[in-house]
Amino acid sequence: MRYRTLKRERDPSVAEKQRMESLAEPAPRKRGRPPKRQAKRAALLEGAVGLFNARGIAGVSLSDIAEAVGLSRATLYYYVDDRDELVFQCYLHACETPADDLVCAAAEPTGFARIAAFVRRTLAPGRKPAAVLSEIRYLKPDLAETIATAQRRNIAALIGFLEAGMDDGSIRPCA
C-alpha cells in the first residue's frame, strides 16, 4: 500500500497536469500591433510630416526621414514600402484626425457650439502638426482620390455645422 501512495504523490492528477501545462504555455497575445511598433510608426509619421511640411515632398528622401526619426533606412522599410506610401499615410492621417474631431464636435447642441468644439480640438495645445495637403497631385491617382474624398467629406461636415448654426439661430447668416 505504501507504494501506491508514493506513486500517487509522484504522478500528479489530470487536473494538476493541465494546470502545470497551462503555466508552461505563454499567455495569449493580444490582437493588433504591439505598442512599441505603433509608437515607432507614430514617430515616423510625425517626423515625415515635419519634413514634408518644411521642404515639400520632392525635397525629402527616405534617408532624410530615417535620420530625423532615428531609424535606419532598412528599418523604415519595415513600416512603409516606399516614399509614396509614407506620403499617403501622412495625408490620410491629416484627414482622419479632423474627421474624428468633427465626429466629437457633432455631439454639441448648436451649430456654433459644434464649430467651436471642432476649433478647440483642432487647435488644442500640444496637438501634433498635421501634413499640409498641398501636394496631393504627387500621389498616384487612386490614392489622390482617396485623400480628396476624405477632404471633401470633412469640408461637407463643417459646412453642415454652419448650416445647422444658421438654422438654429446660433450663427447669423451673411447678408
C-alpha atoms as a PDB file:
ATOM      1  CA  MET A   1       0.000   0.000   0.000  1.00  0.00           C
ATOM      2  CA  ARG A   2       2.843   2.365   0.759  1.00  0.00           C
ATOM      3  CA  TYR A   3       3.992   2.027  -2.844  1.00  0.00           C
ATOM      4  CA  ARG A   4       0.666   3.257  -4.220  1.00  0.00           C
ATOM      5  CA  THR A   5       0.685   6.333  -2.004  1.00  0.00           C
ATOM      6  CA  LEU A   6       4.156   7.293  -3.124  1.00  0.00           C
ATOM      7  CA  LYS A   7       3.262   6.657  -6.728  1.00  0.00           C
ATOM      8  CA  ARG A   8       0.208   8.920  -6.430  1.00  0.00           C
ATOM      9  CA  GLU A   9       2.392  11.677  -4.976  1.00  0.00           C
ATOM     10  CA  ARG A  10       4.824  11.391  -7.899  1.00  0.00           C
ATOM     11  CA  ASP A  11       2.094  11.215 -10.568  1.00  0.00           C
ATOM     12  CA  PRO A  12       0.071  14.399 -10.441  1.00  0.00           C
ATOM     13  CA  SER A  13      -3.624  14.155 -11.121  1.00  0.00           C
ATOM     14  CA  VAL A  14      -5.025  15.059 -14.541  1.00  0.00           C
ATOM     15  CA  ALA A  15      -6.196  18.443 -13.234  1.00  0.00           C
ATOM     16  CA  GLU A  16      -2.750  19.141 -11.829  1.00  0.00           C
ATOM     17  CA  LYS A  17      -1.122  18.167 -15.141  1.00  0.00           C
ATOM     18  CA  GLN A  18      -3.424  20.582 -17.015  1.00  0.00           C
ATOM     19  CA  ARG A  19      -2.629  23.340 -14.542  1.00  0.00           C
ATOM     20  CA  MET A  20       1.105  22.777 -14.969  1.00  0.00           C
ATOM     21  CA  GLU A  21       0.784  22.705 -18.754  1.00  0.00           C
ATOM     22  CA  SER A  22      -1.177  25.952 -18.743  1.00  0.00           C
ATOM     23  CA  LEU A  23       1.567  27.589 -16.689  1.00  0.00           C
ATOM     24  CA  ALA A  24       4.168  26.413 -19.195  1.00  0.00           C
ATOM     25  CA  GLU A  25       2.254  27.873 -22.168  1.00  0.00           C
ATOM     26  CA  PRO A  26       2.841  31.532 -22.992  1.00  0.00           C
ATOM     27  CA  ALA A  27      -0.010  33.903 -22.301  1.00  0.00           C
ATOM     28  CA  PRO A  28      -2.184  34.511 -25.355  1.00  0.00           C
ATOM     29  CA  ARG A  29      -1.111  37.564 -27.337  1.00  0.00           C
ATOM     30  CA  LYS A  30      -3.448  40.458 -27.703  1.00  0.00           C
ATOM     31  CA  ARG A  31      -4.542  41.100 -31.237  1.00  0.00           C
ATOM     32  CA  GLY A  32      -3.193  44.070 -33.137  1.00  0.00           C
ATOM     33  CA  ARG A  33       0.153  45.680 -33.461  1.00  0.00           C
ATOM     34  CA  PRO A  34       2.453  45.756 -30.461  1.00  0.00           C
ATOM     35  CA  PRO A  35       2.523  49.150 -28.702  1.00  0.00           C
ATOM     36  CA  LYS A  36       6.235  49.625 -29.428  1.00  0.00           C
ATOM     37  CA  ARG A  37       5.639  49.261 -33.149  1.00  0.00           C
ATOM     38  CA  GLN A  38       2.729  51.704 -33.007  1.00  0.00           C
ATOM     39  CA  ALA A  39       4.866  54.229 -31.155  1.00  0.00           C
ATOM     40  CA  LYS A  40       7.666  53.981 -33.721  1.00  0.00           C
ATOM     41  CA  ARG A  41       5.164  54.248 -36.561  1.00  0.00           C
ATOM     42  CA  ALA A  42       3.648  57.366 -34.968  1.00  0.00           C
ATOM     43  CA  ALA A  43       7.125  58.875 -34.559  1.00  0.00           C
ATOM     44  CA  LEU A  44       7.879  58.054 -38.197  1.00  0.00           C
ATOM     45  CA  LEU A  45       4.705  59.784 -39.406  1.00  0.00           C
ATOM     46  CA  GLU A  46       5.349  62.789 -37.169  1.00  0.00           C
ATOM     47  CA  GLY A  47       8.930  63.154 -38.399  1.00  0.00           C
ATOM     48  CA  ALA A  48       7.888  62.753 -42.023  1.00  0.00           C
ATOM     49  CA  VAL A  49       5.119  65.344 -41.640  1.00  0.00           C
ATOM     50  CA  GLY A  50       7.596  67.854 -40.236  1.00  0.00           C
ATOM     51  CA  LEU A  51       9.998  67.360 -43.126  1.00  0.00           C
ATOM     52  CA  PHE A  52       7.287  67.267 -45.818  1.00  0.00           C
ATOM     53  CA  ASN A  53       5.763  70.484 -44.478  1.00  0.00           C
ATOM     54  CA  ALA A  54       9.145  72.222 -44.295  1.00  0.00           C
ATOM     55  CA  ARG A  55      10.724  71.100 -47.567  1.00  0.00           C
ATOM     56  CA  GLY A  56       7.947  69.685 -49.707  1.00  0.00           C
ATOM     57  CA  ILE A  57       7.619  66.084 -50.778  1.00  0.00           C
ATOM     58  CA  ALA A  58      10.174  66.286 -53.573  1.00  0.00           C
ATOM     59  CA  GLY A  59      12.727  67.817 -51.195  1.00  0.00           C
ATOM     60  CA  VAL A  60      12.694  64.916 -48.738  1.00  0.00           C
ATOM     61  CA  SER A  61      14.234  61.479 -49.158  1.00  0.00           C
ATOM     62  CA  LEU A  62      13.577  58.391 -47.081  1.00  0.00           C
ATOM     63  CA  SER A  63      17.149  58.696 -45.802  1.00  0.00           C
ATOM     64  CA  ASP A  64      16.344  62.202 -44.513  1.00  0.00           C
ATOM     65  CA  ILE A  65      13.278  60.883 -42.714  1.00  0.00           C
ATOM     66  CA  ALA A  66      15.103  57.872 -41.271  1.00  0.00           C
ATOM     67  CA  GLU A  67      17.842  60.133 -39.929  1.00  0.00           C
ATOM     68  CA  ALA A  68      15.319  62.600 -38.471  1.00  0.00           C
ATOM     69  CA  VAL A  69      13.428  59.918 -36.547  1.00  0.00           C
ATOM     70  CA  GLY A  70      16.474  57.893 -35.537  1.00  0.00           C
ATOM     71  CA  LEU A  71      15.786  54.786 -37.598  1.00  0.00           C
ATOM     72  CA  SER A  72      17.954  53.065 -40.156  1.00  0.00           C
ATOM     73  CA  ARG A  73      16.694  53.208 -43.704  1.00  0.00           C
ATOM     74  CA  ALA A  74      16.230  49.429 -43.640  1.00  0.00           C
ATOM     75  CA  THR A  75      14.071  49.691 -40.514  1.00  0.00           C
ATOM     76  CA  LEU A  76      11.995  52.389 -42.199  1.00  0.00           C
ATOM     77  CA  TYR A  77      11.019  49.852 -44.862  1.00  0.00           C
ATOM     78  CA  TYR A  78       9.519  47.711 -42.103  1.00  0.00           C
ATOM     79  CA  TYR A  79       6.875  50.416 -41.659  1.00  0.00           C
ATOM     80  CA  VAL A  80       6.333  51.584 -45.255  1.00  0.00           C
ATOM     81  CA  ASP A  81       7.055  50.190 -48.707  1.00  0.00           C
ATOM     82  CA  ASP A  82       8.243  53.454 -50.240  1.00  0.00           C
ATOM     83  CA  ARG A  83       8.035  57.234 -50.018  1.00  0.00           C
ATOM     84  CA  ASP A  84       4.718  57.282 -51.889  1.00  0.00           C
ATOM     85  CA  GLU A  85       3.116  55.125 -49.217  1.00  0.00           C
ATOM     86  CA  LEU A  86       4.582  57.303 -46.468  1.00  0.00           C
ATOM     87  CA  VAL A  87       3.204  60.459 -48.101  1.00  0.00           C
ATOM     88  CA  PHE A  88      -0.191  58.779 -48.452  1.00  0.00           C
ATOM     89  CA  GLN A  89      -0.165  57.678 -44.788  1.00  0.00           C
ATOM     90  CA  CYS A  90       0.740  61.215 -43.661  1.00  0.00           C
ATOM     91  CA  TYR A  91      -2.035  62.720 -45.790  1.00  0.00           C
ATOM     92  CA  LEU A  92      -4.541  60.103 -44.683  1.00  0.00           C
ATOM     93  CA  HIS A  93      -3.726  60.804 -41.039  1.00  0.00           C
ATOM     94  CA  ALA A  94      -4.147  64.532 -41.765  1.00  0.00           C
ATOM     95  CA  CYS A  95      -7.697  63.758 -42.966  1.00  0.00           C
ATOM     96  CA  GLU A  96      -8.641  61.207 -40.310  1.00  0.00           C
ATOM     97  CA  THR A  97      -7.706  63.365 -37.324  1.00  0.00           C
ATOM     98  CA  PRO A  98     -10.072  66.240 -38.212  1.00  0.00           C
ATOM     99  CA  ALA A  99     -12.722  63.680 -39.149  1.00  0.00           C
ATOM    100  CA  ASP A 100     -12.512  62.322 -35.587  1.00  0.00           C
ATOM    101  CA  ASP A 101     -12.690  65.895 -34.265  1.00  0.00           C
ATOM    102  CA  LEU A 102     -15.790  66.534 -36.374  1.00  0.00           C
ATOM    103  CA  VAL A 103     -17.479  63.419 -35.003  1.00  0.00           C
ATOM    104  CA  CYS A 104     -16.810  64.535 -31.428  1.00  0.00           C
ATOM    105  CA  ALA A 105     -17.953  68.093 -32.172  1.00  0.00           C
ATOM    106  CA  ALA A 106     -21.188  66.835 -33.730  1.00  0.00           C
ATOM    107  CA  ALA A 107     -22.457  65.951 -30.241  1.00  0.00           C
ATOM    108  CA  GLU A 108     -22.772  69.662 -29.354  1.00  0.00           C
ATOM    109  CA  PRO A 109     -26.294  71.111 -29.291  1.00  0.00           C
ATOM    110  CA  THR A 110     -25.930  74.034 -31.730  1.00  0.00           C
ATOM    111  CA  GLY A 111     -24.102  74.682 -34.969  1.00  0.00           C
ATOM    112  CA  PHE A 112     -21.964  77.371 -33.350  1.00  0.00           C
ATOM    113  CA  ALA A 113     -21.085  75.075 -30.429  1.00  0.00           C
ATOM    114  CA  ARG A 114     -20.094  72.351 -32.916  1.00  0.00           C
ATOM    115  CA  ILE A 115     -17.767  74.686 -34.792  1.00  0.00           C
ATOM    116  CA  ALA A 116     -16.289  75.993 -31.542  1.00  0.00           C
ATOM    117  CA  ALA A 117     -15.701  72.449 -30.264  1.00  0.00           C
ATOM    118  CA  PHE A 118     -14.052  71.474 -33.562  1.00  0.00           C
ATOM    119  CA  VAL A 119     -11.747  74.513 -33.474  1.00  0.00           C
ATOM    120  CA  ARG A 120     -10.837  73.883 -29.813  1.00  0.00           C
ATOM    121  CA  ARG A 121      -9.923  70.264 -30.557  1.00  0.00           C
ATOM    122  CA  THR A 122      -8.029  71.140 -33.724  1.00  0.00           C
ATOM    123  CA  LEU A 123      -6.019  73.930 -32.103  1.00  0.00           C
ATOM    124  CA  ALA A 124      -5.504  72.246 -28.725  1.00  0.00           C
ATOM    125  CA  PRO A 125      -2.089  72.916 -27.168  1.00  0.00           C
ATOM    126  CA  GLY A 126       0.260  70.012 -27.621  1.00  0.00           C
ATOM    127  CA  ARG A 127      -1.542  68.774 -30.711  1.00  0.00           C
ATOM    128  CA  LYS A 128       0.905  67.278 -33.164  1.00  0.00           C
ATOM    129  CA  PRO A 129       1.074  69.062 -36.515  1.00  0.00           C
ATOM    130  CA  ALA A 130      -0.706  67.535 -39.473  1.00  0.00           C
ATOM    131  CA  ALA A 131       0.555  67.276 -43.025  1.00  0.00           C
ATOM    132  CA  VAL A 132      -0.367  70.224 -45.190  1.00  0.00           C
ATOM    133  CA  LEU A 133      -2.383  68.756 -48.059  1.00  0.00           C
ATOM    134  CA  SER A 134      -0.668  70.939 -50.660  1.00  0.00           C
ATOM    135  CA  GLU A 135       0.835  68.251 -52.881  1.00  0.00           C
ATOM    136  CA  ILE A 136      -1.983  65.773 -53.352  1.00  0.00           C
ATOM    137  CA  ARG A 137      -1.102  65.668 -57.059  1.00  0.00           C
ATOM    138  CA  TYR A 138       2.129  63.915 -56.050  1.00  0.00           C
ATOM    139  CA  LEU A 139       0.130  60.794 -55.155  1.00  0.00           C
ATOM    140  CA  LYS A 140      -0.955  58.085 -57.570  1.00  0.00           C
ATOM    141  CA  PRO A 141      -4.439  58.869 -58.946  1.00  0.00           C
ATOM    142  CA  ASP A 142      -6.323  56.309 -56.831  1.00  0.00           C
ATOM    143  CA  LEU A 143      -4.570  57.416 -53.646  1.00  0.00           C
ATOM    144  CA  ALA A 144      -5.071  61.081 -54.510  1.00  0.00           C
ATOM    145  CA  GLU A 145      -8.788  60.400 -54.959  1.00  0.00           C
ATOM    146  CA  THR A 146      -8.947  58.721 -51.532  1.00  0.00           C
ATOM    147  CA  ILE A 147      -7.411  61.808 -49.904  1.00  0.00           C
ATOM    148  CA  ALA A 148      -9.572  64.216 -51.923  1.00  0.00           C
ATOM    149  CA  THR A 149     -12.701  62.284 -50.926  1.00  0.00           C
ATOM    150  CA  ALA A 150     -11.756  62.385 -47.247  1.00  0.00           C
ATOM    151  CA  GLN A 151     -11.017  66.100 -47.512  1.00  0.00           C
ATOM    152  CA  ARG A 152     -14.373  66.777 -49.222  1.00  0.00           C
ATOM    153  CA  ARG A 153     -16.156  64.793 -46.503  1.00  0.00           C
ATOM    154  CA  ASN A 154     -14.533  66.923 -43.773  1.00  0.00           C
ATOM    155  CA  ILE A 155     -15.414  70.147 -45.584  1.00  0.00           C
ATOM    156  CA  ALA A 156     -19.020  68.966 -46.043  1.00  0.00           C
ATOM    157  CA  ALA A 157     -19.277  68.267 -42.298  1.00  0.00           C
ATOM    158  CA  LEU A 158     -18.037  71.779 -41.485  1.00  0.00           C
ATOM    159  CA  ILE A 159     -20.493  73.289 -43.958  1.00  0.00           C
ATOM    160  CA  GLY A 160     -23.192  71.214 -42.273  1.00  0.00           C
ATOM    161  CA  PHE A 161     -22.217  72.731 -38.911  1.00  0.00           C
ATOM    162  CA  LEU A 162     -22.502  76.239 -40.417  1.00  0.00           C
ATOM    163  CA  GLU A 163     -25.891  75.497 -41.954  1.00  0.00           C
ATOM    164  CA  ALA A 164     -27.140  73.963 -38.703  1.00  0.00           C
ATOM    165  CA  GLY A 165     -25.983  77.085 -36.861  1.00  0.00           C
ATOM    166  CA  MET A 166     -27.890  79.324 -39.259  1.00  0.00           C
ATOM    167  CA  ASP A 167     -30.964  77.126 -38.920  1.00  0.00           C
ATOM    168  CA  ASP A 168     -30.874  77.082 -35.100  1.00  0.00           C
ATOM    169  CA  GLY A 169     -30.017  80.788 -34.864  1.00  0.00           C
ATOM    170  CA  SER A 170     -26.624  80.362 -33.209  1.00  0.00           C
ATOM    171  CA  ILE A 171     -24.887  81.734 -36.349  1.00  0.00           C
ATOM    172  CA  ARG A 172     -26.141  84.798 -38.167  1.00  0.00           C
ATOM    173  CA  PRO A 173     -26.217  84.370 -41.959  1.00  0.00           C
ATOM    174  CA  CYS A 174     -24.210  86.803 -44.048  1.00  0.00           C
ATOM    175  CA  ALA A 175     -26.359  89.372 -45.796  1.00  0.00           C
END
